[in-house]
Amino acid sequence: MSVYTPRNSFWSSIPPITKNLIIINFILWLAATLFPVIQDFLGLHYFKSDKFNLLQPFTYMFMHSTRGLGHVFFNMFAVFMFGRLLEQVWGPKRFLLFYLVTGVGAGIIQQITWYIDLIPFMQAVDNYVLTGEIGVLGRYWNIDPSVPYSAEMILRSRDALLDSMLTVGASGAVFGILLGFGMLFPNAPLYIMFIPVPIKAKYMVIGYGVIELFAGVANFSGDNVAHFAHLGGMIFGFFMIRFWKKKGIGNGIFMG
């Protein structure tokens, strides 16, 4: 008499945190697609917006664009490809901590970026409220100088603009994972689509960082990607791994 033991399925072979992150993200993407108010509540708003709440720096990374499947699919594909390897090296708890810290760190950098970008605009609004002079405010809004806009109207428009600013997606945490993979497996060969020559992971990570920095500084018209948030995930990931290495934890960490 023999006992049949089924082989482990592909899905069951995925480490638990990686698997649950993928499941949660797809479930919340579907929920937000059906009920858009979920994204508005859990997505990351500007901290001076009335729609901001303290949960959002954590919850925004589980929200994704509902305009299609691509945003959540490619983020979760990266989590599957690289995150499961980090989880196998670090263990579930440390990997989850790394994922959350890099995601929150990316959100913090995004808030700082928004704040710096908005300084001239906020000053222009304050100047109009105090003096009634359009000044540089006309650069941001198509204001007719002959129309006496009330301060209340300008402030309502400002608040509406702040409320409309929203960041969603796990990309910050994903870039943290890419950085972690590059530090753990610096010489691992990776392939980019349409490029038949393998590239070492450490050079791939550096290349991604340079591209994100350039794109963020260039601020291309129509670009709605949070490039500095991506860099934020990499920066927080780098210092977290260096801290672990200094403390002698996070076995398997090496650079080359």
Protein backbone atom coordinates (compact mmCIF):
# COMPACT_ATOMS: atom_id res chain seq x y z
CA MET A 1 0.00 0.00 0.00
CA SER A 2 1.38 3.41 -0.94
CA VAL A 3 0.39 6.88 0.16
CA TYR A 4 0.20 9.61 -2.48
CA THR A 5 1.82 12.84 -1.39
CA PRO A 6 0.98 15.71 -3.75
CA ARG A 7 3.76 18.01 -4.78
CA ASN A 8 3.73 21.51 -3.42
CA SER A 9 1.85 23.78 -5.74
CA PHE A 10 3.50 26.83 -7.22
CA TRP A 11 1.30 29.12 -5.12
CA SER A 12 2.03 27.31 -1.85
CA SER A 13 5.77 27.62 -2.49
CA ILE A 14 5.62 31.43 -2.26
CA PRO A 15 6.72 32.71 1.19
CA PRO A 16 3.79 33.86 3.40
CA ILE A 17 4.41 37.61 3.56
CA THR A 18 5.07 37.90 -0.16
CA LYS A 19 1.95 35.89 -0.90
CA ASN A 20 -0.25 37.88 1.47
CA LEU A 21 1.03 41.21 0.18
CA ILE A 22 0.08 40.18 -3.36
CA ILE A 23 -3.37 39.00 -2.26
CA ILE A 24 -4.11 42.11 -0.18
CA ASN A 25 -3.04 44.48 -2.93
CA PHE A 26 -5.20 42.80 -5.56
CA ILE A 27 -8.21 42.63 -3.23
CA LEU A 28 -7.92 46.33 -2.36
CA TRP A 29 -7.40 47.23 -6.02
CA LEU A 30 -10.64 45.46 -6.88
CA ALA A 31 -12.44 47.08 -3.94
CA ALA A 32 -11.25 50.55 -4.93
CA THR A 33 -12.26 49.91 -8.54
CA LEU A 34 -15.79 49.11 -7.40
CA PHE A 35 -15.92 51.77 -4.67
CA PRO A 36 -13.65 54.75 -5.53
CA VAL A 37 -14.21 56.35 -2.14
CA ILE A 38 -11.87 53.71 -0.68
CA GLN A 39 -8.93 55.04 -2.68
CA ASP A 40 -9.76 58.62 -1.73
CA PHE A 41 -9.73 57.66 1.96
CA LEU A 42 -6.73 55.31 1.98
CA GLY A 43 -4.57 57.03 -0.67
CA LEU A 44 -1.93 59.51 0.47
CA HIS A 45 -3.14 63.12 0.42
CA TYR A 46 -0.99 66.19 1.08
CA PHE A 47 -0.62 66.62 4.83
CA LYS A 48 -2.23 70.08 4.76
CA SER A 49 -5.30 68.76 2.96
CA ASP A 50 -8.50 68.21 4.90
CA LYS A 51 -8.57 64.71 3.39
CA PHE A 52 -5.29 63.68 5.00
CA ASN A 53 -5.30 61.28 7.94
CA LEU A 54 -2.52 59.55 9.86
CA LEU A 55 -3.33 56.12 8.43
CA GLN A 56 -2.54 57.16 4.87
CA PRO A 57 1.30 56.93 5.06
CA PHE A 58 0.72 53.20 5.68
CA THR A 59 -2.41 52.48 3.65
CA TYR A 60 -1.49 54.33 0.44
CA MET A 61 1.01 51.63 -0.54
CA PHE A 62 -1.86 49.13 -0.75
CA MET A 63 -3.81 51.32 -3.17
CA HIS A 64 -3.19 51.38 -6.93
CA SER A 65 -4.50 53.17 -9.98
CA THR A 66 -7.96 51.91 -10.90
CA ARG A 67 -7.61 52.99 -14.54
CA GLY A 68 -6.32 49.56 -15.44
CA LEU A 69 -4.61 46.44 -14.15
CA GLY A 70 -1.07 47.43 -15.15
CA HIS A 71 -0.12 49.48 -12.09
CA VAL A 72 -0.94 46.84 -9.49
CA PHE A 73 0.15 43.93 -11.71
CA PHE A 74 3.69 45.15 -12.37
CA ASN A 75 4.22 46.24 -8.77
CA MET A 76 3.11 42.86 -7.47
CA PHE A 77 5.12 41.05 -10.13
CA ALA A 78 8.22 42.82 -8.79
CA VAL A 79 7.25 41.85 -5.23
CA PHE A 80 6.93 38.24 -6.37
CA MET A 81 10.19 38.22 -8.35
CA PHE A 82 12.44 39.90 -5.81
CA GLY A 83 10.52 40.08 -2.54
CA ARG A 84 10.24 36.34 -2.07
CA LEU A 85 14.03 36.03 -2.26
CA LEU A 86 14.51 38.70 0.38
CA GLU A 87 11.90 37.03 2.58
CA GLN A 88 13.75 33.72 2.30
CA VAL A 89 16.97 35.40 3.43
CA TRP A 90 15.58 37.70 6.13
CA GLY A 91 12.54 35.80 7.30
CA PRO A 92 8.91 36.97 7.28
CA LYS A 93 9.02 39.52 10.11
CA ARG A 94 12.12 41.34 8.95
CA PHE A 95 10.95 41.38 5.33
CA LEU A 96 7.55 42.80 6.31
CA LEU A 97 9.25 45.46 8.42
CA PHE A 98 11.52 46.38 5.51
CA TYR A 99 8.56 46.58 3.12
CA LEU A 100 6.55 48.85 5.43
CA VAL A 101 9.46 51.11 6.37
CA THR A 102 10.50 51.68 2.75
CA GLY A 103 6.88 52.31 1.77
CA VAL A 104 6.33 54.80 4.59
CA GLY A 105 9.70 56.38 3.83
CA ALA A 106 8.69 56.86 0.22
CA GLY A 107 5.50 58.56 1.39
CA ILE A 108 7.47 60.90 3.64
CA ILE A 109 9.75 61.90 0.76
CA GLN A 110 6.67 62.50 -1.40
CA GLN A 111 5.23 64.82 1.25
CA ILE A 112 8.51 66.75 1.44
CA THR A 113 8.58 67.02 -2.37
CA TRP A 114 5.02 68.35 -2.44
CA TYR A 115 5.80 70.84 0.31
CA ILE A 116 8.84 72.25 -1.52
CA ASP A 117 7.00 72.42 -4.84
CA LEU A 118 4.06 74.24 -3.26
CA ILE A 119 6.04 76.92 -1.43
CA PRO A 120 5.81 79.56 -4.25
CA PHE A 121 2.14 78.79 -4.84
CA MET A 122 1.18 79.00 -1.16
CA GLN A 123 3.09 82.27 -0.82
CA ALA A 124 1.28 83.65 -3.89
CA VAL A 125 -2.10 82.73 -2.38
CA ASP A 126 -1.20 84.37 0.93
CA ASN A 127 -0.02 87.48 -0.89
CA TYR A 128 -3.31 87.74 -2.82
CA VAL A 129 -5.35 87.31 0.36
CA LEU A 130 -3.36 90.04 2.12
CA THR A 131 -2.93 92.56 -0.71
CA GLY A 132 -5.43 91.64 -3.43
CA GLU A 133 -2.61 91.70 -5.99
CA ILE A 134 -2.45 88.79 -8.39
CA GLY A 135 1.33 88.85 -8.75
CA VAL A 136 2.81 85.41 -9.39
CA LEU A 137 -0.52 83.74 -8.65
CA GLY A 138 -1.36 84.29 -12.29
CA ARG A 139 1.34 81.76 -13.20
CA TYR A 140 -0.66 79.01 -11.53
CA TRP A 141 -4.22 80.04 -12.34
CA ASN A 142 -5.72 81.81 -15.32
CA ILE A 143 -6.98 84.78 -13.33
CA ASP A 144 -8.54 87.80 -15.02
CA PRO A 145 -7.01 90.91 -13.37
CA SER A 146 -10.23 92.85 -13.98
CA VAL A 147 -12.32 90.42 -11.91
CA PRO A 148 -12.33 91.07 -8.15
CA TYR A 149 -11.93 87.53 -6.83
CA SER A 150 -12.71 87.32 -3.14
CA ALA A 151 -10.13 85.94 -0.72
CA GLU A 152 -12.65 83.26 0.25
CA MET A 153 -12.93 82.10 -3.37
CA ILE A 154 -9.16 81.91 -3.73
CA LEU A 155 -8.80 79.95 -0.50
CA ARG A 156 -11.52 77.51 -1.56
CA SER A 157 -9.71 76.98 -4.86
CA ARG A 158 -6.44 76.42 -3.01
CA ASP A 159 -8.07 73.85 -0.71
CA ALA A 160 -9.65 72.06 -3.68
CA LEU A 161 -6.23 71.83 -5.31
CA LEU A 162 -4.64 70.41 -2.15
CA ASP A 163 -7.46 67.88 -1.81
CA SER A 164 -6.91 66.68 -5.37
CA MET A 165 -3.26 65.74 -4.73
CA LEU A 166 -3.08 61.98 -4.22
CA THR A 167 -0.37 59.33 -4.28
CA VAL A 168 -1.13 55.61 -4.48
CA GLY A 169 0.90 52.49 -5.11
CA ALA A 170 3.51 50.16 -3.68
CA SER A 171 6.24 51.51 -5.97
CA GLY A 172 8.21 53.08 -3.11
CA ALA A 173 8.36 49.74 -1.30
CA VAL A 174 9.09 47.97 -4.59
CA PHE A 175 12.09 50.21 -5.24
CA GLY A 176 13.21 49.46 -1.69
CA ILE A 177 12.98 45.75 -2.55
CA LEU A 178 15.01 46.30 -5.73
CA LEU A 179 17.63 48.12 -3.70
CA GLY A 180 17.68 45.29 -1.16
CA PHE A 181 18.06 42.69 -3.89
CA GLY A 182 20.92 44.64 -5.40
CA MET A 183 22.70 44.77 -2.05
CA LEU A 184 22.16 41.10 -1.21
CA PHE A 185 22.85 39.75 -4.67
CA PRO A 186 24.95 42.46 -6.36
CA ASN A 187 26.33 40.24 -9.09
CA ALA A 188 23.12 38.43 -9.95
CA PRO A 189 22.45 38.72 -13.71
CA LEU A 190 19.22 40.49 -14.65
CA TYR A 191 17.70 41.02 -18.06
CA ILE A 192 15.87 44.08 -19.36
CA MET A 193 13.25 43.66 -22.04
CA PHE A 194 14.68 43.94 -25.58
CA ILE A 195 18.26 43.93 -24.24
CA PRO A 196 19.78 40.44 -24.70
CA VAL A 197 22.83 41.13 -22.53
CA PRO A 198 22.53 40.45 -18.76
CA ILE A 199 23.18 43.34 -16.36
CA LYS A 200 24.46 42.84 -12.82
CA ALA A 201 21.88 43.69 -10.18
CA LYS A 202 24.03 46.37 -8.56
CA TYR A 203 24.32 48.27 -11.85
CA MET A 204 20.61 47.86 -12.51
CA VAL A 205 19.78 49.40 -9.13
CA ILE A 206 22.19 52.29 -9.67
CA GLY A 207 20.72 52.87 -13.12
CA TYR A 208 17.18 52.94 -11.77
CA GLY A 209 18.22 55.43 -9.10
CA VAL A 210 19.86 57.77 -11.62
CA ILE A 211 16.83 57.59 -13.93
CA GLU A 212 14.41 58.39 -11.10
CA LEU A 213 16.57 61.29 -9.92
CA PHE A 214 16.79 62.73 -13.43
CA ALA A 215 13.06 62.31 -14.07
CA GLY A 216 12.18 63.88 -10.72
CA VAL A 217 14.42 66.91 -11.25
CA ALA A 218 13.39 67.33 -14.90
CA ASN A 219 9.70 67.26 -13.91
CA PHE A 220 8.47 66.43 -17.41
CA SER A 221 5.10 67.83 -18.42
CA GLY A 222 2.30 65.30 -18.00
CA ASP A 223 4.45 63.00 -15.85
CA ASN A 224 2.35 61.85 -12.89
CA VAL A 225 4.91 59.38 -11.51
CA ALA A 226 6.20 60.03 -7.98
CA HIS A 227 9.90 59.73 -8.86
CA PHE A 228 11.21 61.16 -5.60
CA ALA A 229 8.99 58.74 -3.68
CA HIS A 230 10.72 55.90 -5.55
CA LEU A 231 14.06 57.33 -4.51
CA GLY A 232 12.74 57.64 -0.97
CA GLY A 233 12.03 53.92 -0.87
CA MET A 234 15.57 53.20 -2.02
CA ILE A 235 17.12 55.65 0.45
CA PHE A 236 15.22 54.29 3.45
CA GLY A 237 16.00 50.74 2.32
CA PHE A 238 19.71 51.49 2.01
CA PHE A 239 20.02 52.94 5.51
CA MET A 240 17.89 50.19 7.01
CA ILE A 241 20.10 47.48 5.51
CA ARG A 242 23.27 49.32 6.58
CA PHE A 243 21.85 49.58 10.11
CA TRP A 244 21.10 45.87 10.18
CA LYS A 245 24.57 45.06 8.91
CA LYS A 246 26.15 47.28 11.57
CA LYS A 247 24.12 45.52 14.26
CA GLY A 248 25.05 42.12 12.83
CA ILE A 249 21.51 41.17 11.88
CA GLY A 250 19.97 40.44 8.53
CA ASN A 251 22.09 37.41 7.63
CA GLY A 252 23.14 37.17 4.04
CA ILE A 253 23.62 40.88 3.52
CA PHE A 254 26.69 41.69 1.52
CA MET A 255 27.79 44.22 -1.04
CA GLY A 256 30.07 43.72 -3.99
